[in-house]
Amino acid sequence: MSLLDFFISPAHAQAAGGSPNAIIQFLPIVFMLVIFYFLMIRPQQKRMKEHKEMVNALSKGDEIVTNGGLGGTVTKVGEAYLTLKVSEGVEVNVQRQAVAALLPNGTLKSL
């Protein structure tokens, strides 16, 4: 035994029987991909579906808040745009996809 063997152990050949199964080697990667799907991709798809349903269900008289924080009552519903009444005599057009939340009726009147 040399002095180097004390610091670095000599390499030994694997026992007879061959290498481990390739499927077992990739199992941790597959497991991590499954976890990634259930923790990140699936919930995001669910949120996108709920938002799309909410935007498609908007109608005249609904109170909404946009992504920019603008709140108002829907006065006209178009295919791509909504008209919001934000105060007396002030109406703005916003894209349908800019709607962040649908508020319960009467929320903006109490402010």
C-alpha atoms as a PDB file:
ATOM      1  CA  MET A   1       0.000   0.000   0.000  1.00  0.00           C
ATOM      2  CA  SER A   2       1.453   3.306  -1.043  1.00  0.00           C
ATOM      3  CA  LEU A   3       1.047   6.703   0.557  1.00  0.00           C
ATOM      4  CA  LEU A   4      -1.380   7.779  -2.193  1.00  0.00           C
ATOM      5  CA  ASP A   5      -3.709   4.905  -1.357  1.00  0.00           C
ATOM      6  CA  PHE A   6      -4.182   6.525   2.039  1.00  0.00           C
ATOM      7  CA  PHE A   7      -5.603   9.719   0.462  1.00  0.00           C
ATOM      8  CA  ILE A   8      -7.263   8.301  -2.645  1.00  0.00           C
ATOM      9  CA  SER A   9      -8.868   4.905  -2.538  1.00  0.00           C
ATOM     10  CA  PRO A  10      -8.078   2.712  -5.537  1.00  0.00           C
ATOM     11  CA  ALA A  11     -10.878   2.124  -8.027  1.00  0.00           C
ATOM     12  CA  HIS A  12     -12.306  -1.349  -8.163  1.00  0.00           C
ATOM     13  CA  ALA A  13     -14.313  -2.907 -10.947  1.00  0.00           C
ATOM     14  CA  GLN A  14     -18.020  -3.438 -10.311  1.00  0.00           C
ATOM     15  CA  ALA A  15     -19.124  -6.845  -9.329  1.00  0.00           C
ATOM     16  CA  ALA A  16     -20.284  -9.181 -12.047  1.00  0.00           C
ATOM     17  CA  GLY A  17     -23.882  -8.629 -13.098  1.00  0.00           C
ATOM     18  CA  GLY A  18     -23.591  -5.510 -15.222  1.00  0.00           C
ATOM     19  CA  SER A  19     -24.724  -1.939 -14.736  1.00  0.00           C
ATOM     20  CA  PRO A  20     -27.947  -0.874 -13.008  1.00  0.00           C
ATOM     21  CA  ASN A  21     -31.092  -0.756 -15.085  1.00  0.00           C
ATOM     22  CA  ALA A  22     -31.407   2.394 -17.224  1.00  0.00           C
ATOM     23  CA  ILE A  23     -35.024   2.922 -16.139  1.00  0.00           C
ATOM     24  CA  ILE A  24     -33.988   3.062 -12.495  1.00  0.00           C
ATOM     25  CA  GLN A  25     -31.365   5.690 -13.339  1.00  0.00           C
ATOM     26  CA  PHE A  26     -33.972   7.978 -14.954  1.00  0.00           C
ATOM     27  CA  LEU A  27     -36.650   7.389 -12.320  1.00  0.00           C
ATOM     28  CA  PRO A  28     -35.679  10.428 -10.170  1.00  0.00           C
ATOM     29  CA  ILE A  29     -35.837  12.722 -13.220  1.00  0.00           C
ATOM     30  CA  VAL A  30     -39.263  11.392 -14.197  1.00  0.00           C
ATOM     31  CA  PHE A  31     -40.430  11.773 -10.603  1.00  0.00           C
ATOM     32  CA  MET A  32     -39.273  15.412 -10.535  1.00  0.00           C
ATOM     33  CA  LEU A  33     -41.074  16.146 -13.828  1.00  0.00           C
ATOM     34  CA  VAL A  34     -44.310  14.717 -12.425  1.00  0.00           C
ATOM     35  CA  ILE A  35     -43.968  16.860  -9.290  1.00  0.00           C
ATOM     36  CA  PHE A  36     -43.211  19.927 -11.457  1.00  0.00           C
ATOM     37  CA  TYR A  37     -46.376  19.288 -13.482  1.00  0.00           C
ATOM     38  CA  PHE A  38     -48.654  18.969 -10.452  1.00  0.00           C
ATOM     39  CA  LEU A  39     -47.157  21.885  -8.501  1.00  0.00           C
ATOM     40  CA  MET A  40     -46.694  24.451 -11.283  1.00  0.00           C
ATOM     41  CA  ILE A  41     -48.210  23.669 -14.669  1.00  0.00           C
ATOM     42  CA  ARG A  42     -51.590  22.234 -13.671  1.00  0.00           C
ATOM     43  CA  PRO A  43     -52.557  25.018 -11.209  1.00  0.00           C
ATOM     44  CA  GLN A  44     -51.593  27.678 -13.772  1.00  0.00           C
ATOM     45  CA  GLN A  45     -53.772  26.028 -16.416  1.00  0.00           C
ATOM     46  CA  LYS A  46     -56.654  25.912 -13.918  1.00  0.00           C
ATOM     47  CA  ARG A  47     -56.290  29.649 -13.144  1.00  0.00           C
ATOM     48  CA  MET A  48     -56.197  30.488 -16.865  1.00  0.00           C
ATOM     49  CA  LYS A  49     -59.361  28.462 -17.476  1.00  0.00           C
ATOM     50  CA  GLU A  50     -61.199  30.151 -14.570  1.00  0.00           C
ATOM     51  CA  HIS A  51     -60.147  33.620 -15.786  1.00  0.00           C
ATOM     52  CA  LYS A  52     -61.308  32.879 -19.334  1.00  0.00           C
ATOM     53  CA  GLU A  53     -64.701  31.675 -18.053  1.00  0.00           C
ATOM     54  CA  MET A  54     -65.065  34.788 -15.876  1.00  0.00           C
ATOM     55  CA  VAL A  55     -64.216  37.130 -18.776  1.00  0.00           C
ATOM     56  CA  ASN A  56     -66.627  35.344 -21.126  1.00  0.00           C
ATOM     57  CA  ALA A  57     -69.442  35.592 -18.548  1.00  0.00           C
ATOM     58  CA  LEU A  58     -69.171  39.380 -18.095  1.00  0.00           C
ATOM     59  CA  SER A  59     -72.353  41.306 -18.795  1.00  0.00           C
ATOM     60  CA  LYS A  60     -73.743  44.819 -18.525  1.00  0.00           C
ATOM     61  CA  GLY A  61     -74.004  45.992 -14.910  1.00  0.00           C
ATOM     62  CA  ASP A  62     -71.145  43.834 -13.544  1.00  0.00           C
ATOM     63  CA  GLU A  63     -68.647  45.599 -11.309  1.00  0.00           C
ATOM     64  CA  ILE A  64     -65.043  44.776 -12.120  1.00  0.00           C
ATOM     65  CA  VAL A  65     -61.442  45.724 -11.361  1.00  0.00           C
ATOM     66  CA  THR A  66     -58.821  45.761 -14.115  1.00  0.00           C
ATOM     67  CA  ASN A  67     -55.199  44.674 -13.856  1.00  0.00           C
ATOM     68  CA  GLY A  68     -54.254  48.350 -13.561  1.00  0.00           C
ATOM     69  CA  GLY A  69     -56.489  48.815 -10.516  1.00  0.00           C
ATOM     70  CA  LEU A  70     -59.261  50.705 -12.310  1.00  0.00           C
ATOM     71  CA  GLY A  71     -62.677  49.818 -10.961  1.00  0.00           C
ATOM     72  CA  GLY A  72     -65.982  50.421 -12.643  1.00  0.00           C
ATOM     73  CA  THR A  73     -69.316  49.153 -13.837  1.00  0.00           C
ATOM     74  CA  VAL A  74     -69.612  47.516 -17.249  1.00  0.00           C
ATOM     75  CA  THR A  75     -71.910  49.528 -19.541  1.00  0.00           C
ATOM     76  CA  LYS A  76     -71.153  47.868 -22.902  1.00  0.00           C
ATOM     77  CA  VAL A  77     -69.738  44.462 -23.740  1.00  0.00           C
ATOM     78  CA  GLY A  78     -67.964  44.006 -27.046  1.00  0.00           C
ATOM     79  CA  GLU A  79     -66.093  41.104 -28.520  1.00  0.00           C
ATOM     80  CA  ALA A  80     -62.645  42.373 -27.527  1.00  0.00           C
ATOM     81  CA  TYR A  81     -63.387  45.470 -25.416  1.00  0.00           C
ATOM     82  CA  LEU A  82     -65.592  46.528 -22.507  1.00  0.00           C
ATOM     83  CA  THR A  83     -66.823  50.004 -21.698  1.00  0.00           C
ATOM     84  CA  LEU A  84     -66.506  50.847 -18.003  1.00  0.00           C
ATOM     85  CA  LYS A  85     -68.274  53.619 -16.183  1.00  0.00           C
ATOM     86  CA  VAL A  86     -65.730  54.761 -13.593  1.00  0.00           C
ATOM     87  CA  SER A  87     -67.691  57.823 -12.369  1.00  0.00           C
ATOM     88  CA  GLU A  88     -70.541  60.076 -13.479  1.00  0.00           C
ATOM     89  CA  GLY A  89     -69.914  61.070 -17.083  1.00  0.00           C
ATOM     90  CA  VAL A  90     -66.604  59.178 -17.355  1.00  0.00           C
ATOM     91  CA  GLU A  91     -66.448  55.989 -19.404  1.00  0.00           C
ATOM     92  CA  VAL A  92     -63.325  54.169 -20.578  1.00  0.00           C
ATOM     93  CA  ASN A  93     -62.734  51.266 -22.928  1.00  0.00           C
ATOM     94  CA  VAL A  94     -60.613  48.374 -21.668  1.00  0.00           C
ATOM     95  CA  GLN A  95     -59.649  45.048 -23.169  1.00  0.00           C
ATOM     96  CA  ARG A  96     -61.608  42.084 -21.900  1.00  0.00           C
ATOM     97  CA  GLN A  97     -58.404  40.283 -20.930  1.00  0.00           C
ATOM     98  CA  ALA A  98     -57.420  43.221 -18.682  1.00  0.00           C
ATOM     99  CA  VAL A  99     -60.172  42.320 -16.213  1.00  0.00           C
ATOM    100  CA  ALA A 100     -58.583  41.079 -12.998  1.00  0.00           C
ATOM    101  CA  ALA A 101     -61.607  40.403 -10.796  1.00  0.00           C
ATOM    102  CA  LEU A 102     -65.377  40.461 -10.744  1.00  0.00           C
ATOM    103  CA  LEU A 103     -66.665  42.291  -7.671  1.00  0.00           C
ATOM    104  CA  PRO A 104     -69.913  41.600  -5.824  1.00  0.00           C
ATOM    105  CA  ASN A 105     -72.688  43.991  -6.907  1.00  0.00           C
ATOM    106  CA  GLY A 106     -72.807  47.156  -4.793  1.00  0.00           C
ATOM    107  CA  THR A 107     -69.125  47.120  -3.872  1.00  0.00           C
ATOM    108  CA  LEU A 108     -68.219  50.278  -5.814  1.00  0.00           C
ATOM    109  CA  LYS A 109     -71.304  52.174  -4.648  1.00  0.00           C
ATOM    110  CA  SER A 110     -70.245  51.786  -1.026  1.00  0.00           C
ATOM    111  CA  LEU A 111     -66.891  53.481  -1.681  1.00  0.00           C
END
